Amino acid sequence: MVAGWTKHGDGRTLAPGEVVKPEERLSWPRMVGFGAQHVIAMFGATFVFPVVMGLDPNVAIMMSGVATILFLLIVNGKIPSYLGTSASFVGAVAAIRAGGGDSVTVTSAILVAGAVLALCGYLIHRMGVQVIHRIFPPVVTGAVVMLIGFGLAYVVARFYWPADQWIALITMLVTFVVIVLFKGFIGRIGILIGLVAGFILSWAADRIFGNITAYNAATGQVDTHPRVNLDAVADAPWIGLPDFHLPTDFKASAILLVLPAVIALIAENIGHVKAVGEMTGVDADPYVGRALIGDGVGTMVASAAGGSPTTTYAENIGVMAATRVYSTLAYYIAGVIAILFGLCPKFGALVAATPNGVLGGVTVILYGMIGLLGAKIWIENRVDFSDPVNMVPIGAGIIMAIGPVDMVITEDFTLSGIALGTIVALGGYHLLRALSRRDAHAGPRDDHPRREATG
């Protein structure tokens, strides 16, 4: 059910063991509160990741609301979820920008990735979810997630950390402490708190120590500049439309860089949909394809306006688990609130003023955590690395991504880093698996052939 929610009980309280189902609601004031809570849960990552990718956070926040509403319509209200900014594209975007691409190049590539994700969702909807498990078994899925994270190490080392190494170090340590020592909501927004703390420290350092001489991402060279420049914030209006742009620069090299993220999104969405299905008591398998279509369409619509890619958010699934309120109405309300947030350009300008040193302290954690999620997939699925078919191509693919290794195909086209690593891991795994099966069917072989007698 998409609209016309049925009131649950008296609309005020839940008895022990009761839940508010997706097609139900509590009183309207309570539902507005739950919607606001979902906005808070998604807010940190949804504006941090666009900043890291160099995209407009106002557009990202606004379009996350639009994407969420579209997603709910596509899944027919059966899978309550919020679509926030995806971290899976961060590495590819960094690589695109390192190669000279701008925001238009980035969003153009992301739009294509969204279309591919939607197409995969349609195929899964028609053929069943098992087809994706055959193409992307856990060993490959874990590898792709890992190389997406670890393949970003060079971005921190070359661009963010050198911009202000001491602020980066302090920001990282503050984030460590908040994530580990604080439980509940504070711990979940540890990245956001670390970013805010680093921002304030950078502002204070400008007043105490003066401008810094270091690498300046704005000029692409070492010069003397303030850590925090608030001129754009002062000039931005309080109310207005964000800085939309159309994706009009479709480069094959950029598109190839973002396509591996589609694999991560498929794995992530399937996991989230199944988790929501367990919580709500709905058989989620028939809706996996719809969910992927919804996320793909959401990503296409968001990038078409200059926004960032989207994905279903585990943070909001955690909110549902804590509150036992699974009503899709809360997500519609959250979507509307997010759209309204996007109408404050001054907020977007403030976020965009985040110093690169601060981003260095935050991204070194984010990239590492993304990479280790790949290891988590391996552990949960008990991947056997004593099998060389699993170990050899996966290890090679990850090293190529971390390098990053460049493979020059033509004068105008180079495969490198994450894209090259994904091709090696995925293609190498299936090639070696096929060869090993063929060898097994051929029967035992003599690894020590007898020598011919000589006179």
Protein backbone atom coordinates (compact mmCIF):
# COMPACT_ATOMS: atom_id res chain seq x y z
CA MET A 1 0.00 0.00 0.00
CA VAL A 2 1.41 3.39 -0.97
CA ALA A 3 -1.17 5.73 0.54
CA GLY A 4 -4.09 5.55 2.93
CA TRP A 5 -2.25 4.17 5.94
CA THR A 6 -4.37 2.47 8.58
CA LYS A 7 -4.04 3.83 12.13
CA HIS A 8 -2.39 1.30 14.44
CA GLY A 9 -4.38 0.86 17.65
CA ASP A 10 -4.98 4.17 19.37
CA GLY A 11 -2.23 5.81 17.31
CA ARG A 12 -0.18 6.60 20.40
CA THR A 13 1.32 3.49 22.00
CA LEU A 14 2.69 0.06 21.10
CA ALA A 15 2.05 -2.96 23.29
CA PRO A 16 5.04 -5.25 24.05
CA GLY A 17 5.90 -7.25 20.91
CA GLU A 18 3.73 -5.10 18.61
CA VAL A 19 5.05 -3.34 15.52
CA VAL A 20 3.70 -0.68 13.19
CA LYS A 21 3.55 -2.37 9.79
CA PRO A 22 4.53 -0.61 6.53
CA GLU A 23 0.86 0.05 5.67
CA GLU A 24 0.04 1.36 9.17
CA ARG A 25 0.75 4.60 11.01
CA LEU A 26 0.58 6.22 14.43
CA SER A 27 -0.83 9.71 15.00
CA TRP A 28 0.34 12.36 12.56
CA PRO A 29 2.46 14.34 15.09
CA ARG A 30 4.22 11.11 16.07
CA MET A 31 4.80 10.18 12.45
CA VAL A 32 6.36 13.61 11.79
CA GLY A 33 8.70 12.92 14.71
CA PHE A 34 9.65 9.51 13.32
CA GLY A 35 10.22 11.07 9.90
CA ALA A 36 12.52 13.69 11.42
CA GLN A 37 14.39 10.92 13.22
CA HIS A 38 15.05 9.17 9.90
CA VAL A 39 16.41 12.44 8.50
CA ILE A 40 18.81 12.74 11.45
CA ALA A 41 19.91 9.12 10.98
CA MET A 42 20.79 9.59 7.31
CA PHE A 43 21.98 13.18 7.49
CA GLY A 44 25.64 12.73 8.41
CA ALA A 45 26.62 10.34 5.62
CA THR A 46 24.27 11.92 3.07
CA PHE A 47 26.09 15.23 3.23
CA VAL A 48 29.59 13.99 4.14
CA PHE A 49 29.94 11.78 1.05
CA PRO A 50 28.94 14.49 -1.45
CA VAL A 51 31.53 16.77 0.14
CA VAL A 52 34.16 14.04 -0.22
CA MET A 53 33.13 13.59 -3.87
CA GLY A 54 33.16 17.34 -4.56
CA LEU A 55 29.42 17.50 -5.26
CA ASP A 56 26.86 19.98 -3.92
CA PRO A 57 25.56 18.70 -0.54
CA ASN A 58 22.35 20.74 -0.90
CA VAL A 59 21.51 18.96 -4.14
CA ALA A 60 22.42 15.62 -2.55
CA ILE A 61 20.15 16.16 0.47
CA MET A 62 17.25 17.38 -1.67
CA MET A 63 17.54 14.61 -4.25
CA SER A 64 17.85 11.94 -1.55
CA GLY A 65 14.34 12.95 -0.52
CA VAL A 66 13.12 12.72 -4.10
CA ALA A 67 14.86 9.36 -4.61
CA THR A 68 13.34 7.95 -1.41
CA ILE A 69 9.81 8.84 -2.50
CA LEU A 70 10.40 7.30 -5.95
CA PHE A 71 11.82 4.15 -4.32
CA LEU A 72 8.76 3.72 -2.09
CA LEU A 73 6.46 4.05 -5.09
CA ILE A 74 8.44 1.49 -7.13
CA VAL A 75 8.48 -1.12 -4.33
CA ASN A 76 4.75 -0.52 -3.80
CA GLY A 77 5.35 0.48 -0.19
CA LYS A 78 6.50 -3.02 0.81
CA ILE A 79 10.15 -2.23 1.64
CA PRO A 80 10.41 0.82 3.96
CA SER A 81 13.86 2.32 3.33
CA TYR A 82 15.63 5.67 2.98
CA LEU A 83 17.91 6.35 0.01
CA GLY A 84 20.92 8.40 1.07
CA THR A 85 24.24 9.12 -0.62
CA SER A 86 26.21 5.99 -1.51
CA ALA A 87 29.82 5.67 -0.34
CA SER A 88 30.54 3.05 -2.99
CA PHE A 89 31.25 5.67 -5.66
CA VAL A 90 33.71 7.73 -3.63
CA GLY A 91 36.81 6.00 -4.97
CA ALA A 92 35.70 6.10 -8.57
CA VAL A 93 34.82 9.78 -8.30
CA ALA A 94 38.22 10.55 -6.78
CA ALA A 95 39.86 8.71 -9.67
CA ILE A 96 37.75 10.62 -12.22
CA ARG A 97 38.74 13.95 -10.69
CA ALA A 98 42.40 12.91 -10.45
CA GLY A 99 42.23 12.26 -14.18
CA GLY A 100 40.96 15.77 -14.89
CA GLY A 101 37.21 15.17 -14.78
CA ASP A 102 34.82 17.71 -13.23
CA SER A 103 31.41 17.44 -11.54
CA VAL A 104 29.62 17.16 -14.88
CA THR A 105 31.84 14.22 -15.87
CA VAL A 106 31.19 12.63 -12.47
CA THR A 107 27.40 12.91 -12.53
CA SER A 108 27.27 11.78 -16.16
CA ALA A 109 29.10 8.57 -15.25
CA ILE A 110 26.90 8.08 -12.16
CA LEU A 111 23.75 8.44 -14.27
CA VAL A 112 24.92 5.58 -16.50
CA ALA A 113 25.70 3.48 -13.41
CA GLY A 114 22.17 4.15 -12.17
CA ALA A 115 20.75 2.96 -15.48
CA VAL A 116 22.86 -0.22 -15.30
CA LEU A 117 21.66 -0.83 -11.73
CA ALA A 118 18.03 -0.38 -12.78
CA LEU A 119 18.58 -2.79 -15.70
CA CYS A 120 20.12 -5.36 -13.35
CA GLY A 121 17.11 -4.93 -11.09
CA TYR A 122 14.74 -5.59 -13.98
CA LEU A 123 16.65 -8.74 -14.98
CA ILE A 124 16.65 -9.98 -11.40
CA HIS A 125 12.94 -9.24 -11.12
CA ARG A 126 12.31 -11.34 -14.23
CA MET A 127 14.79 -14.18 -13.61
CA GLY A 128 15.03 -14.36 -9.82
CA VAL A 129 17.56 -13.18 -7.26
CA GLN A 130 19.68 -16.36 -7.53
CA VAL A 131 21.10 -15.23 -10.88
CA ILE A 132 23.08 -12.47 -9.15
CA HIS A 133 24.54 -14.93 -6.65
CA ARG A 134 25.89 -17.05 -9.52
CA ILE A 135 27.56 -14.12 -11.26
CA PHE A 136 28.78 -12.40 -8.09
CA PRO A 137 29.48 -15.07 -5.46
CA PRO A 138 30.54 -13.83 -2.00
CA VAL A 139 34.25 -14.09 -2.78
CA VAL A 140 33.87 -11.67 -5.72
CA THR A 141 31.37 -9.37 -4.01
CA GLY A 142 33.63 -9.06 -0.97
CA ALA A 143 36.62 -8.34 -3.18
CA VAL A 144 34.82 -5.58 -5.09
CA VAL A 145 33.68 -3.91 -1.86
CA MET A 146 37.21 -4.21 -0.45
CA LEU A 147 38.97 -2.77 -3.50
CA ILE A 148 36.46 0.11 -3.65
CA GLY A 149 37.59 1.09 -0.16
CA PHE A 150 41.30 0.28 -0.22
CA GLY A 151 41.62 1.59 -3.77
CA LEU A 152 41.13 5.07 -2.28
CA ALA A 153 44.27 5.02 -0.16
CA TYR A 154 46.20 7.08 -2.70
CA VAL A 155 43.56 9.85 -2.59
CA VAL A 156 44.15 10.35 1.14
CA ALA A 157 47.93 10.11 0.74
CA ARG A 158 48.28 12.44 -2.25
CA PHE A 159 45.53 15.03 -1.84
CA TYR A 160 43.73 15.25 1.50
CA TRP A 161 46.34 14.46 4.16
CA PRO A 162 49.13 16.72 2.76
CA ALA A 163 46.71 19.68 2.79
CA ASP A 164 47.02 19.92 6.60
CA GLN A 165 48.56 16.85 8.20
CA TRP A 166 48.13 17.90 11.85
CA ILE A 167 44.47 18.84 11.48
CA ALA A 168 43.95 15.55 9.60
CA LEU A 169 45.58 13.61 12.44
CA ILE A 170 43.55 15.34 15.16
CA THR A 171 40.32 14.93 13.20
CA MET A 172 41.04 11.23 12.78
CA LEU A 173 41.72 10.77 16.51
CA VAL A 174 38.57 12.65 17.54
CA THR A 175 36.52 10.49 15.18
CA PHE A 176 38.16 7.34 16.59
CA VAL A 177 37.16 8.27 20.12
CA VAL A 178 33.57 9.23 19.30
CA ILE A 179 32.85 6.11 17.24
CA VAL A 180 34.37 3.70 19.75
CA LEU A 181 33.52 5.20 23.15
CA PHE A 182 30.03 6.59 22.53
CA LYS A 183 27.15 4.21 22.01
CA GLY A 184 23.77 4.75 20.39
CA PHE A 185 23.04 7.83 18.31
CA ILE A 186 26.24 9.75 19.17
CA GLY A 187 28.41 6.85 18.08
CA ARG A 188 26.46 6.44 14.84
CA ILE A 189 27.18 10.04 13.82
CA GLY A 190 30.85 9.86 14.82
CA ILE A 191 32.02 10.75 11.30
CA LEU A 192 29.85 13.87 11.32
CA ILE A 193 31.09 14.89 14.78
CA GLY A 194 34.69 14.38 13.71
CA LEU A 195 34.12 16.51 10.62
CA VAL A 196 32.54 19.34 12.66
CA ALA A 197 35.35 19.18 15.25
CA GLY A 198 37.98 19.33 12.51
CA PHE A 199 36.22 22.28 10.89
CA ILE A 200 36.21 24.22 14.17
CA LEU A 201 39.86 23.35 14.84
CA SER A 202 40.83 24.55 11.34
CA TRP A 203 38.99 27.83 11.88
CA ALA A 204 40.76 28.28 15.24
CA ALA A 205 44.14 27.41 13.73
CA ASP A 206 43.72 30.19 11.14
CA ARG A 207 43.22 32.71 13.96
CA ILE A 208 46.07 31.39 16.13
CA PHE A 209 48.73 30.37 13.59
CA GLY A 210 47.66 32.26 10.46
CA ASN A 211 47.40 30.88 6.92
CA ILE A 212 48.95 27.54 6.03
CA THR A 213 51.45 26.83 3.24
CA ALA A 214 50.51 23.46 1.80
CA TYR A 215 48.87 21.75 -1.15
CA ASN A 216 45.74 23.66 -2.20
CA ALA A 217 43.13 21.53 -4.00
CA ALA A 218 41.50 24.67 -5.39
CA THR A 219 44.65 25.70 -7.28
CA GLY A 220 46.28 22.27 -7.63
CA GLN A 221 49.59 23.52 -6.22
CA VAL A 222 51.38 24.41 -2.99
CA ASP A 223 50.61 27.96 -1.86
CA THR A 224 49.70 30.01 1.21
CA HIS A 225 45.97 30.09 1.97
CA PRO A 226 43.48 30.05 4.85
CA ARG A 227 42.32 26.63 6.01
CA VAL A 228 38.70 27.82 6.14
CA ASN A 229 37.32 30.29 3.59
CA LEU A 230 33.78 31.46 4.43
CA ASP A 231 33.39 34.06 1.65
CA ALA A 232 30.99 31.81 -0.28
CA VAL A 233 28.92 31.28 2.87
CA ALA A 234 28.51 35.02 3.39
CA ASP A 235 27.42 35.49 -0.24
CA ALA A 236 24.92 32.59 -0.29
CA PRO A 237 21.22 33.34 0.35
CA TRP A 238 19.28 31.63 3.13
CA ILE A 239 16.53 30.45 0.81
CA GLY A 240 16.89 29.41 -2.81
CA LEU A 241 17.43 26.57 -5.22
CA PRO A 242 20.68 24.59 -4.95
CA ASP A 243 23.28 24.54 -7.71
CA PHE A 244 21.76 22.09 -10.18
CA HIS A 245 23.63 21.00 -13.30
CA LEU A 246 22.89 18.61 -16.15
CA PRO A 247 25.09 15.55 -16.83
CA THR A 248 26.31 16.17 -20.38
CA ASP A 249 29.88 14.81 -20.42
CA PHE A 250 29.75 11.02 -20.93
CA LYS A 251 33.31 9.66 -21.03
CA ALA A 252 33.91 5.91 -21.39
CA SER A 253 36.91 6.03 -19.05
CA ALA A 254 34.82 7.68 -16.30
CA ILE A 255 31.90 5.30 -16.80
CA LEU A 256 34.18 2.26 -16.48
CA LEU A 257 35.49 3.64 -13.20
CA VAL A 258 32.02 3.83 -11.60
CA LEU A 259 30.59 0.55 -12.89
CA PRO A 260 32.27 -1.59 -10.18
CA ALA A 261 30.25 0.35 -7.63
CA VAL A 262 27.10 -1.18 -9.14
CA ILE A 263 28.24 -4.58 -7.86
CA ALA A 264 28.60 -3.14 -4.36
CA LEU A 265 25.17 -1.52 -4.59
CA ILE A 266 23.56 -4.79 -5.66
CA ALA A 267 25.11 -6.64 -2.72
CA GLU A 268 24.26 -3.82 -0.31
CA ASN A 269 20.65 -3.50 -1.46
CA ILE A 270 20.00 -7.24 -1.38
CA GLY A 271 21.30 -7.39 2.19
CA HIS A 272 19.24 -4.42 3.30
CA VAL A 273 16.06 -5.64 1.60
CA LYS A 274 16.38 -9.05 3.23
CA ALA A 275 16.97 -7.40 6.61
CA VAL A 276 13.86 -5.26 6.22
CA GLY A 277 11.90 -8.32 5.12
CA GLU A 278 12.94 -10.18 8.27
CA MET A 279 11.91 -7.24 10.44
CA THR A 280 8.54 -6.62 8.79
CA GLY A 281 7.62 -10.26 8.20
CA VAL A 282 7.34 -9.66 4.45
CA ASP A 283 8.80 -12.16 1.94
CA ALA A 284 11.38 -9.78 0.52
CA ASP A 285 12.73 -11.92 -2.35
CA PRO A 286 9.99 -10.88 -4.84
CA TYR A 287 10.88 -7.24 -4.15
CA VAL A 288 14.68 -7.43 -4.53
CA GLY A 289 14.47 -6.63 -8.24
CA ARG A 290 12.05 -3.77 -7.60
CA ALA A 291 14.36 -2.39 -4.90
CA LEU A 292 17.31 -2.38 -7.30
CA ILE A 293 15.18 -0.71 -9.96
CA GLY A 294 14.11 1.87 -7.37
CA ASP A 295 17.69 2.57 -6.33
CA GLY A 296 18.81 2.75 -9.96
CA VAL A 297 16.02 5.17 -10.87
CA GLY A 298 16.77 7.21 -7.72
CA THR A 299 20.44 7.43 -8.69
CA MET A 300 19.55 8.45 -12.25
CA VAL A 301 17.15 11.17 -11.13
CA ALA A 302 19.56 12.47 -8.49
CA SER A 303 22.54 12.61 -10.87
CA ALA A 304 20.39 14.16 -13.60
CA ALA A 305 20.05 17.18 -11.30
CA GLY A 306 23.73 17.20 -10.33
CA GLY A 307 23.25 15.14 -7.17
CA SER A 308 25.09 12.14 -5.77
CA PRO A 309 24.37 8.40 -6.19
CA THR A 310 21.94 6.78 -3.77
CA THR A 311 21.59 3.55 -1.83
CA THR A 312 19.36 2.13 0.88
CA TYR A 313 20.67 3.10 4.31
CA ALA A 314 21.46 0.68 7.12
CA GLU A 315 21.27 3.59 9.59
CA ASN A 316 17.55 3.94 8.94
CA ILE A 317 17.02 0.20 9.20
CA GLY A 318 18.57 0.50 12.67
CA VAL A 319 16.08 3.24 13.56
CA MET A 320 13.22 0.93 12.57
CA ALA A 321 14.65 -1.90 14.66
CA ALA A 322 14.88 0.40 17.68
CA THR A 323 11.43 1.99 17.32
CA ARG A 324 9.48 -1.00 15.84
CA VAL A 325 7.80 1.55 13.53
CA TYR A 326 8.07 0.25 9.95
CA SER A 327 5.49 2.61 8.45
CA THR A 328 6.39 3.89 4.99
CA LEU A 329 4.66 7.14 5.97
CA ALA A 330 7.68 8.00 8.14
CA TYR A 331 9.88 7.74 5.04
CA TYR A 332 7.60 9.89 2.91
CA ILE A 333 7.75 12.53 5.64
CA ALA A 334 11.56 12.17 5.84
CA GLY A 335 11.75 12.64 2.07
CA VAL A 336 9.75 15.87 2.22
CA ILE A 337 11.90 17.20 5.10
CA ALA A 338 15.07 16.45 3.11
CA ILE A 339 13.72 18.31 0.08
CA LEU A 340 13.07 21.35 2.26
CA PHE A 341 16.61 21.18 3.69
CA GLY A 342 17.96 21.39 0.15
CA LEU A 343 16.39 24.82 -0.28
CA CYS A 344 18.97 26.52 2.00
CA PRO A 345 22.03 27.45 -0.15
CA LYS A 346 23.85 28.95 2.86
CA PHE A 347 23.92 25.53 4.47
CA GLY A 348 25.39 24.01 1.31
CA ALA A 349 28.08 26.70 1.08
CA LEU A 350 29.08 26.07 4.70
CA VAL A 351 29.45 22.34 4.09
CA ALA A 352 31.42 22.95 0.88
CA ALA A 353 33.91 25.08 2.88
CA THR A 354 35.15 21.96 4.74
CA PRO A 355 38.98 22.02 4.63
CA ASN A 356 40.82 19.21 2.83
CA GLY A 357 42.83 18.43 5.95
CA VAL A 358 39.58 17.66 7.76
CA LEU A 359 38.47 15.46 4.88
CA GLY A 360 41.79 13.63 5.17
CA GLY A 361 41.12 12.75 8.80
CA VAL A 362 37.59 11.56 8.03
CA THR A 363 38.19 9.74 4.73
CA VAL A 364 41.11 7.69 6.05
CA ILE A 365 38.55 6.07 8.37
CA LEU A 366 35.73 5.89 5.84
CA TYR A 367 37.85 4.27 3.14
CA GLY A 368 39.26 1.74 5.57
CA MET A 369 35.81 0.86 6.90
CA ILE A 370 34.45 0.41 3.38
CA GLY A 371 37.33 -1.92 2.54
CA LEU A 372 36.85 -4.01 5.67
CA LEU A 373 33.18 -4.49 4.83
CA GLY A 374 34.48 -6.67 2.01
CA ALA A 375 36.32 -8.83 4.56
CA LYS A 376 33.09 -9.00 6.57
CA ILE A 377 31.30 -10.47 3.53
CA TRP A 378 34.02 -13.12 3.25
CA ILE A 379 33.81 -14.02 6.93
CA GLU A 380 30.01 -14.20 7.02
CA ASN A 381 29.99 -16.46 3.96
CA ARG A 382 33.00 -18.54 5.10
CA VAL A 383 34.95 -18.03 1.89
CA ASP A 384 37.66 -20.65 1.53
CA PHE A 385 40.97 -18.95 0.69
CA SER A 386 42.84 -22.23 0.72
CA ASP A 387 41.30 -22.62 -2.74
CA PRO A 388 43.67 -20.90 -5.21
CA VAL A 389 40.71 -20.09 -7.47
CA ASN A 390 39.52 -17.78 -4.70
CA MET A 391 42.87 -16.44 -3.60
CA VAL A 392 44.81 -15.81 -6.81
CA PRO A 393 42.54 -13.54 -8.91
CA ILE A 394 41.08 -11.79 -5.86
CA GLY A 395 44.50 -10.92 -4.45
CA ALA A 396 45.70 -9.66 -7.82
CA GLY A 397 42.59 -7.52 -8.33
CA ILE A 398 42.89 -5.88 -4.90
CA ILE A 399 46.58 -5.01 -5.41
CA MET A 400 45.79 -3.49 -8.82
CA ALA A 401 43.16 -1.28 -7.19
CA ILE A 402 45.38 -0.22 -4.29
CA GLY A 403 48.36 0.64 -6.55
CA PRO A 404 46.63 2.03 -8.50
CA VAL A 405 47.93 0.07 -11.49
CA ASP A 406 47.39 1.57 -14.95
CA MET A 407 46.71 -0.56 -18.03
CA VAL A 408 47.08 1.57 -21.16
CA ILE A 409 44.68 0.16 -23.77
CA THR A 410 44.96 2.93 -26.37
CA GLU A 411 46.43 6.41 -26.41
CA ASP A 412 43.10 7.82 -25.23
CA PHE A 413 41.87 5.01 -23.01
CA THR A 414 43.41 3.58 -19.84
CA LEU A 415 42.02 1.07 -17.37
CA SER A 416 43.29 1.66 -13.88
CA GLY A 417 42.74 1.20 -10.18
CA ILE A 418 39.28 0.13 -9.11
CA ALA A 419 37.96 -0.57 -12.62
CA LEU A 420 40.97 -2.70 -13.57
CA GLY A 421 40.96 -4.49 -10.22
CA THR A 422 37.27 -5.37 -10.56
CA ILE A 423 37.76 -6.79 -14.07
CA VAL A 424 40.70 -8.90 -12.89
CA ALA A 425 38.88 -10.17 -9.79
CA LEU A 426 35.57 -10.94 -11.53
CA GLY A 427 36.91 -12.17 -14.86
CA GLY A 428 39.83 -14.02 -13.32
CA TYR A 429 37.62 -15.83 -10.83
CA HIS A 430 35.15 -17.11 -13.43
CA LEU A 431 37.95 -18.03 -15.87
CA LEU A 432 39.87 -20.04 -13.27
CA ARG A 433 36.69 -21.61 -11.89
CA ALA A 434 35.75 -22.80 -15.39
CA LEU A 435 39.26 -24.14 -16.02
CA SER A 436 39.37 -25.94 -12.67
CA ARG A 437 36.03 -27.66 -13.37
CA ARG A 438 37.18 -28.65 -16.82
CA ASP A 439 40.38 -30.05 -15.35
CA ALA A 440 38.40 -31.97 -12.71
CA HIS A 441 36.17 -33.53 -15.40
CA ALA A 442 39.26 -34.55 -17.37
CA GLY A 443 40.30 -36.83 -14.50
CA PRO A 444 43.56 -37.15 -12.56
CA ARG A 445 46.76 -36.16 -14.22
CA ASP A 446 50.38 -37.12 -13.74
CA ASP A 447 52.23 -34.04 -12.49
CA HIS A 448 55.57 -35.95 -12.75
CA PRO A 449 55.71 -37.46 -16.25
CA ARG A 450 58.13 -40.34 -16.74
CA ARG A 451 61.26 -39.50 -18.69
CA GLU A 452 62.03 -41.29 -21.90
CA ALA A 453 64.96 -43.73 -21.61
CA THR A 454 68.17 -42.59 -23.18
CA GLY A 455 71.02 -44.67 -24.33
